[in-house]
Amino acid sequence: MSRASMLILLGILTILTPFSGLPIAIRSTLLVIFGTGIFGIGLSLRVHHARRAQVSAEVSTIESTNFSSDASQRDSQSVDNQKSTLTM
């Protein structure tokens, strides 16, 4: 089961727990367990998305750096070609 599905399930169980007819001590324990699960899954999703954004930013930076260096290499090659054409 995916984290998103588990998060939805825990949310539904949290909403339904007060209406379950269980004794207060058990309801309180279940709410703490469900709340801890929701917190843990939410935290893991946040970390996952933050890492994905960081990797995406690093890839974007690397690509733009490569593009810039490729462009400067092409410029220097064209200048060299122009110089060799002029000397002929």
C-alpha atoms as a PDB file:
ATOM      1  CA  MET A   1       0.000   0.000   0.000  1.00  0.00           C
ATOM      2  CA  SER A   2       1.422   3.391  -0.928  1.00  0.00           C
ATOM      3  CA  ARG A   3       2.087   6.088   1.630  1.00  0.00           C
ATOM      4  CA  ALA A   4      -0.687   8.255   0.211  1.00  0.00           C
ATOM      5  CA  SER A   5      -3.206   5.417   0.488  1.00  0.00           C
ATOM      6  CA  MET A   6      -2.070   4.648   4.021  1.00  0.00           C
ATOM      7  CA  LEU A   7      -2.428   8.310   4.928  1.00  0.00           C
ATOM      8  CA  ILE A   8      -6.019   8.350   3.647  1.00  0.00           C
ATOM      9  CA  LEU A   9      -6.833   5.142   5.522  1.00  0.00           C
ATOM     10  CA  LEU A  10      -5.391   6.457   8.786  1.00  0.00           C
ATOM     11  CA  GLY A  11      -7.322   9.699   8.342  1.00  0.00           C
ATOM     12  CA  ILE A  12     -10.587   7.811   7.885  1.00  0.00           C
ATOM     13  CA  LEU A  13      -9.860   5.622  10.918  1.00  0.00           C
ATOM     14  CA  THR A  14      -9.082   8.722  12.971  1.00  0.00           C
ATOM     15  CA  ILE A  15     -12.406  10.275  11.983  1.00  0.00           C
ATOM     16  CA  LEU A  16     -14.358   7.084  12.770  1.00  0.00           C
ATOM     17  CA  THR A  17     -12.634   6.200  16.064  1.00  0.00           C
ATOM     18  CA  PRO A  18     -14.802   8.447  18.316  1.00  0.00           C
ATOM     19  CA  PHE A  19     -17.930   6.778  16.923  1.00  0.00           C
ATOM     20  CA  SER A  20     -16.649   3.208  17.382  1.00  0.00           C
ATOM     21  CA  GLY A  21     -18.262   2.571  20.768  1.00  0.00           C
ATOM     22  CA  LEU A  22     -14.980   1.409  22.277  1.00  0.00           C
ATOM     23  CA  PRO A  23     -14.012   2.349  25.837  1.00  0.00           C
ATOM     24  CA  ILE A  24     -12.358   5.746  26.230  1.00  0.00           C
ATOM     25  CA  ALA A  25      -8.928   4.295  27.099  1.00  0.00           C
ATOM     26  CA  ILE A  26      -8.845   2.197  23.905  1.00  0.00           C
ATOM     27  CA  ARG A  27     -10.124   5.096  21.786  1.00  0.00           C
ATOM     28  CA  SER A  28      -7.442   7.379  23.209  1.00  0.00           C
ATOM     29  CA  THR A  29      -4.755   4.790  22.520  1.00  0.00           C
ATOM     30  CA  LEU A  30      -5.988   4.276  18.947  1.00  0.00           C
ATOM     31  CA  LEU A  31      -6.059   8.012  18.309  1.00  0.00           C
ATOM     32  CA  VAL A  32      -2.462   8.338  19.512  1.00  0.00           C
ATOM     33  CA  ILE A  33      -1.398   5.418  17.292  1.00  0.00           C
ATOM     34  CA  PHE A  34      -3.253   6.786  14.251  1.00  0.00           C
ATOM     35  CA  GLY A  35      -1.912  10.294  14.882  1.00  0.00           C
ATOM     36  CA  THR A  36       1.638   8.989  15.147  1.00  0.00           C
ATOM     37  CA  GLY A  37       1.174   7.079  11.886  1.00  0.00           C
ATOM     38  CA  ILE A  38      -0.200  10.157  10.130  1.00  0.00           C
ATOM     39  CA  PHE A  39       2.703  12.252  11.432  1.00  0.00           C
ATOM     40  CA  GLY A  40       5.290   9.673  10.342  1.00  0.00           C
ATOM     41  CA  ILE A  41       3.853   9.270   6.856  1.00  0.00           C
ATOM     42  CA  GLY A  42       3.482  13.028   6.419  1.00  0.00           C
ATOM     43  CA  LEU A  43       7.083  13.553   7.491  1.00  0.00           C
ATOM     44  CA  SER A  44       8.369  10.851   5.143  1.00  0.00           C
ATOM     45  CA  LEU A  45       6.417  12.352   2.225  1.00  0.00           C
ATOM     46  CA  ARG A  46       7.821  15.791   2.986  1.00  0.00           C
ATOM     47  CA  VAL A  47      11.398  14.459   3.117  1.00  0.00           C
ATOM     48  CA  HIS A  48      10.844  12.506  -0.110  1.00  0.00           C
ATOM     49  CA  HIS A  49       9.576  15.576  -1.966  1.00  0.00           C
ATOM     50  CA  ALA A  50      12.368  17.759  -0.566  1.00  0.00           C
ATOM     51  CA  ARG A  51      14.990  15.272  -1.763  1.00  0.00           C
ATOM     52  CA  ARG A  52      13.345  15.041  -5.182  1.00  0.00           C
ATOM     53  CA  ALA A  53      13.344  18.846  -5.484  1.00  0.00           C
ATOM     54  CA  GLN A  54      16.995  19.006  -4.416  1.00  0.00           C
ATOM     55  CA  VAL A  55      18.041  16.380  -6.968  1.00  0.00           C
ATOM     56  CA  SER A  56      15.995  18.150  -9.643  1.00  0.00           C
ATOM     57  CA  ALA A  57      17.697  21.452  -8.833  1.00  0.00           C
ATOM     58  CA  GLU A  58      21.136  19.816  -8.946  1.00  0.00           C
ATOM     59  CA  VAL A  59      20.388  18.219 -12.316  1.00  0.00           C
ATOM     60  CA  SER A  60      19.107  21.530 -13.632  1.00  0.00           C
ATOM     61  CA  THR A  61      22.269  23.291 -12.443  1.00  0.00           C
ATOM     62  CA  ILE A  62      24.485  20.638 -14.008  1.00  0.00           C
ATOM     63  CA  GLU A  63      22.595  20.831 -17.306  1.00  0.00           C
ATOM     64  CA  SER A  64      22.830  24.621 -17.431  1.00  0.00           C
ATOM     65  CA  THR A  65      26.544  24.436 -16.603  1.00  0.00           C
ATOM     66  CA  ASN A  66      27.082  21.888 -19.362  1.00  0.00           C
ATOM     67  CA  PHE A  67      25.116  24.041 -21.798  1.00  0.00           C
ATOM     68  CA  SER A  68      27.203  27.085 -20.906  1.00  0.00           C
ATOM     69  CA  SER A  69      30.481  25.212 -21.290  1.00  0.00           C
ATOM     70  CA  ASP A  70      29.312  23.705 -24.588  1.00  0.00           C
ATOM     71  CA  ALA A  71      28.384  27.158 -25.847  1.00  0.00           C
ATOM     72  CA  SER A  72      31.743  28.624 -24.826  1.00  0.00           C
ATOM     73  CA  GLN A  73      33.557  25.726 -26.518  1.00  0.00           C
ATOM     74  CA  ARG A  74      31.570  26.325 -29.710  1.00  0.00           C
ATOM     75  CA  ASP A  75      32.370  30.046 -29.538  1.00  0.00           C
ATOM     76  CA  SER A  76      36.091  29.390 -29.106  1.00  0.00           C
ATOM     77  CA  GLN A  77      36.027  26.881 -31.963  1.00  0.00           C
ATOM     78  CA  SER A  78      34.298  29.362 -34.263  1.00  0.00           C
ATOM     79  CA  VAL A  79      36.861  32.038 -33.327  1.00  0.00           C
ATOM     80  CA  ASP A  80      39.668  29.561 -34.114  1.00  0.00           C
ATOM     81  CA  ASN A  81      38.021  28.734 -37.443  1.00  0.00           C
ATOM     82  CA  GLN A  82      37.716  32.420 -38.285  1.00  0.00           C
ATOM     83  CA  LYS A  83      41.380  33.010 -37.422  1.00  0.00           C
ATOM     84  CA  SER A  84      42.498  30.097 -39.580  1.00  0.00           C
ATOM     85  CA  THR A  85      40.340  31.374 -42.448  1.00  0.00           C
ATOM     86  CA  LEU A  86      41.857  34.849 -42.180  1.00  0.00           C
ATOM     87  CA  THR A  87      45.435  33.569 -42.166  1.00  0.00           C
ATOM     88  CA  MET A  88      44.960  31.580 -45.354  1.00  0.00           C
END
